[in-house]
């Protein structure tokens, strides 16, 4: 949803800007690149003056961080080292750098989970079945597991940590759709999965359904 601000907003280098208001977002503001557009996500309650100020701040932050990467052009974290580096970047951007995993790696034996974390060891494992999925989905799973290093369960404090990421609800819906198709033989089948603490299951017990 575009805000009621100026008809055309652009960054300093001419990229389009979209302001998204969300009733779910109450106190946090986020900015990210999506298909070459700078998206600023703000609470629906913001006044026009607050919107103008926060859009200015967040666009300046994007420029400083040099994060202009379209979804199509973004280099995917193919190796474990790249995945760990990307997780550190996401932790800094959305969790204030508070989640510092000892290791983050791709695994091929998590047939029933998209990701899992062991808070006591600070380790995160991400299913390699995510590799062909959109980057914003991979980022959500990474952030979900990073948040589990701070809060083990799916309680209110846990979901509070994920409020800053603007694609949380969209990514959850995407993965639920994939799980639905998989469970009915429309995609790859499911098998026994890793039963570590702080896991992100597919699809039973999906976070938010029965917390």
Protein backbone atom coordinates (compact mmCIF):
# COMPACT_ATOMS: atom_id res chain seq x y z
CA UNK A 1 0.00 0.00 0.00
CA UNK A 2 1.40 3.36 -1.01
CA UNK A 3 1.11 6.28 1.35
CA UNK A 4 -0.70 9.47 0.57
CA UNK A 5 2.55 11.44 0.29
CA UNK A 6 4.09 12.87 -2.84
CA UNK A 7 2.98 11.27 -6.11
CA UNK A 8 6.56 10.39 -7.01
CA UNK A 9 9.32 9.74 -4.50
CA UNK A 10 12.86 8.91 -5.56
CA UNK A 11 16.19 8.35 -3.85
CA UNK A 12 19.17 10.63 -4.40
CA UNK A 13 20.26 8.49 -7.35
CA UNK A 14 16.80 8.35 -8.93
CA UNK A 15 15.49 4.99 -7.69
CA UNK A 16 11.74 4.85 -6.95
CA UNK A 17 10.58 4.92 -3.33
CA UNK A 18 7.50 3.19 -1.93
CA UNK A 19 6.13 3.88 1.56
CA UNK A 20 4.13 1.02 3.06
CA UNK A 21 1.88 1.62 6.05
CA UNK A 22 1.02 -1.37 8.21
CA UNK A 23 -1.44 -1.67 11.09
CA UNK A 24 0.62 -4.61 12.40
CA UNK A 25 3.67 -2.41 12.72
CA UNK A 26 3.37 -0.31 15.89
CA UNK A 27 6.76 1.09 16.87
CA UNK A 28 9.31 -0.03 14.29
CA UNK A 29 10.36 1.34 10.92
CA UNK A 30 12.26 -0.64 8.30
CA UNK A 31 13.77 0.02 4.88
CA UNK A 32 14.91 -2.42 2.22
CA UNK A 33 15.36 -2.84 -1.51
CA UNK A 34 12.76 -4.77 -3.51
CA UNK A 35 13.17 -5.19 -7.27
CA UNK A 36 15.06 -1.92 -7.52
CA UNK A 37 12.59 0.04 -5.39
CA UNK A 38 13.49 1.47 -1.99
CA UNK A 39 10.68 0.38 0.34
CA UNK A 40 10.13 2.12 3.69
CA UNK A 41 7.71 0.29 6.03
CA UNK A 42 6.12 2.45 8.73
CA UNK A 43 3.30 2.16 11.29
CA UNK A 44 -0.15 3.08 9.92
CA UNK A 45 -0.61 5.62 12.74
CA UNK A 46 2.25 7.88 11.60
CA UNK A 47 1.30 11.46 10.78
CA UNK A 48 2.41 12.95 7.43
CA UNK A 49 5.20 14.80 9.26
CA UNK A 50 6.41 11.60 10.92
CA UNK A 51 6.27 9.79 7.59
CA UNK A 52 8.37 12.48 5.90
CA UNK A 53 10.97 12.44 8.68
CA UNK A 54 11.28 8.66 8.87
CA UNK A 55 11.42 8.21 5.11
CA UNK A 56 14.29 10.70 5.04
CA UNK A 57 16.12 8.88 7.84
CA UNK A 58 15.66 5.41 6.39
CA UNK A 59 16.67 6.39 2.87
CA UNK A 60 19.83 7.93 4.31
CA UNK A 61 20.46 4.68 6.17
CA UNK A 62 20.02 2.63 3.00
CA UNK A 63 22.46 4.87 1.19
CA UNK A 64 25.05 4.54 3.97
CA UNK A 65 24.74 0.79 4.05
CA UNK A 66 25.01 0.54 0.28
CA UNK A 67 22.19 -1.99 0.16
CA UNK A 68 20.81 -1.28 -3.27
CA UNK A 69 20.39 -4.79 -4.60
CA UNK A 70 17.35 -5.95 -6.51
CA UNK A 71 15.90 -9.36 -5.71
CA UNK A 72 16.92 -10.60 -9.14
CA UNK A 73 20.46 -9.30 -8.90
CA UNK A 74 21.22 -10.19 -5.30
CA UNK A 75 23.96 -12.77 -4.87
CA UNK A 76 22.59 -15.71 -2.93
CA UNK A 77 24.58 -17.07 0.04
CA UNK A 78 25.53 -20.39 -1.55
CA UNK A 79 28.28 -21.47 0.87
CA UNK A 80 28.13 -21.87 4.64
CA UNK A 81 30.55 -18.97 5.02
CA UNK A 82 28.37 -16.72 2.86
CA UNK A 83 25.27 -17.83 4.77
CA UNK A 84 26.93 -17.00 8.11
CA UNK A 85 28.03 -13.60 6.81
CA UNK A 86 24.52 -12.86 5.57
CA UNK A 87 23.06 -13.93 8.93
CA UNK A 88 25.39 -11.48 10.68
CA UNK A 89 24.20 -8.74 8.32
CA UNK A 90 20.54 -9.53 9.06
CA UNK A 91 21.21 -9.61 12.80
CA UNK A 92 22.81 -6.17 12.61
CA UNK A 93 20.01 -4.74 10.47
CA UNK A 94 16.96 -6.13 12.27
CA UNK A 95 18.07 -7.39 15.69
CA UNK A 96 20.56 -4.73 16.67
CA UNK A 97 23.41 -7.24 16.27
CA UNK A 98 22.32 -9.02 19.47
CA UNK A 99 22.08 -12.46 17.89
CA UNK A 100 25.60 -13.79 17.30
CA UNK A 101 25.53 -17.45 16.21
CA UNK A 102 28.60 -19.63 16.62
CA UNK A 103 27.81 -21.26 13.28
CA UNK A 104 25.26 -21.04 10.48
CA UNK A 105 25.20 -23.73 7.82
CA UNK A 106 23.14 -25.29 5.06
CA UNK A 107 22.01 -28.86 5.74
CA UNK A 108 20.34 -31.49 3.58
CA UNK A 109 18.86 -33.70 6.32
CA UNK A 110 16.05 -31.40 7.49
CA UNK A 111 13.23 -32.80 5.40
CA UNK A 112 10.50 -31.62 7.77
CA UNK A 113 11.95 -28.27 8.87
CA UNK A 114 12.99 -25.12 7.10
CA UNK A 115 15.49 -24.30 9.81
CA UNK A 116 16.49 -25.11 13.37
CA UNK A 117 18.56 -23.54 16.11
CA UNK A 118 20.19 -24.76 19.31
CA UNK A 119 20.40 -21.72 21.61
CA UNK A 120 22.68 -23.47 24.14
CA UNK A 121 25.30 -23.97 21.42
CA UNK A 122 24.54 -20.89 19.33
CA UNK A 123 24.17 -22.98 16.18
CA UNK A 124 21.76 -22.54 13.27
CA UNK A 125 20.96 -24.99 10.50
CA UNK A 126 19.04 -23.99 7.35
CA UNK A 127 17.44 -26.52 5.00
CA UNK A 128 19.00 -26.48 1.53
CA UNK A 129 15.47 -26.82 0.15
CA UNK A 130 15.25 -23.05 0.64
CA UNK A 131 18.02 -22.32 -1.86
CA UNK A 132 15.76 -21.88 -4.92
CA UNK A 133 13.21 -19.81 -2.99
CA UNK A 134 13.04 -15.98 -3.03
CA UNK A 135 15.74 -14.26 -1.00
CA UNK A 136 13.18 -12.55 1.25
CA UNK A 137 11.94 -16.01 2.28
CA UNK A 138 15.47 -17.21 3.07
CA UNK A 139 16.04 -14.00 5.04
CA UNK A 140 12.90 -14.63 7.09
CA UNK A 141 13.98 -18.17 8.01
CA UNK A 142 17.44 -16.90 8.95
CA UNK A 143 15.94 -14.15 11.11
CA UNK A 144 13.52 -16.62 12.69
CA UNK A 145 16.42 -18.81 13.80
CA UNK A 146 18.55 -15.83 14.82
CA UNK A 147 15.67 -14.70 17.02
CA UNK A 148 15.58 -18.16 18.60
CA UNK A 149 19.11 -17.64 19.88
CA UNK A 150 17.65 -14.79 21.93
CA UNK A 151 14.24 -16.30 22.79
CA UNK A 152 13.86 -20.08 22.61
CA UNK A 153 10.06 -20.32 22.35
CA UNK A 154 7.40 -18.79 20.13
CA UNK A 155 6.09 -16.36 22.74
CA UNK A 156 5.21 -12.68 22.46
CA UNK A 157 8.82 -11.65 23.12
CA UNK A 158 9.96 -13.82 20.23
CA UNK A 159 7.51 -12.35 17.71
CA UNK A 160 8.38 -8.87 18.91
CA UNK A 161 11.91 -9.47 17.65
CA UNK A 162 10.62 -10.16 14.13
CA UNK A 163 8.41 -7.06 13.89
CA UNK A 164 11.17 -5.05 12.25
CA UNK A 165 11.39 -7.40 9.25
CA UNK A 166 8.74 -6.21 6.77
CA UNK A 167 8.32 -9.54 4.97
CA UNK A 168 7.53 -11.73 7.99
CA UNK A 169 3.83 -12.31 7.23
CA UNK A 170 4.44 -12.63 3.49
CA UNK A 171 7.21 -15.19 3.99
CA UNK A 172 5.15 -17.22 6.47
CA UNK A 173 2.29 -17.38 3.96
CA UNK A 174 4.69 -18.39 1.18
CA UNK A 175 6.18 -21.24 3.23
CA UNK A 176 2.75 -22.39 4.38
CA UNK A 177 1.74 -22.63 0.72
CA UNK A 178 4.81 -24.67 -0.12
CA UNK A 179 4.14 -26.95 2.87
CA UNK A 180 0.50 -27.39 1.87
CA UNK A 181 1.51 -28.48 -1.62
CA UNK A 182 4.26 -30.74 -0.31
CA UNK A 183 1.95 -32.49 2.16
CA UNK A 184 -0.43 -33.31 -0.67
CA UNK A 185 2.17 -34.67 -3.04
CA UNK A 186 2.30 -31.55 -5.19
CA UNK A 187 5.93 -30.92 -4.23
CA UNK A 188 8.80 -32.91 -2.74
CA UNK A 189 7.78 -35.16 0.13
CA UNK A 190 8.54 -34.76 3.81
CA UNK A 191 10.49 -37.00 6.08
CA UNK A 192 11.82 -37.16 9.63
CA UNK A 193 13.52 -33.96 10.68
CA UNK A 194 16.01 -32.58 13.17
CA UNK A 195 14.40 -32.20 16.59
CA UNK A 196 16.55 -29.43 18.03
CA UNK A 197 15.26 -26.59 20.18
CA UNK A 198 14.12 -23.42 18.46
CA UNK A 199 13.09 -25.08 15.22
CA UNK A 200 10.98 -23.77 12.35
CA UNK A 201 8.74 -26.69 11.36
CA UNK A 202 7.05 -27.44 8.08
CA UNK A 203 4.06 -27.33 8.40
CA UNK A 204 2.65 -28.64 11.73
CA UNK A 205 3.00 -26.28 14.69
CA UNK A 206 3.70 -23.33 12.49
CA UNK A 207 4.72 -20.37 14.65
CA UNK A 208 1.80 -18.16 15.51
CA UNK A 209 -0.84 -20.87 15.00
CA UNK A 210 -0.93 -22.34 18.51
CA UNK A 211 1.48 -20.31 20.62
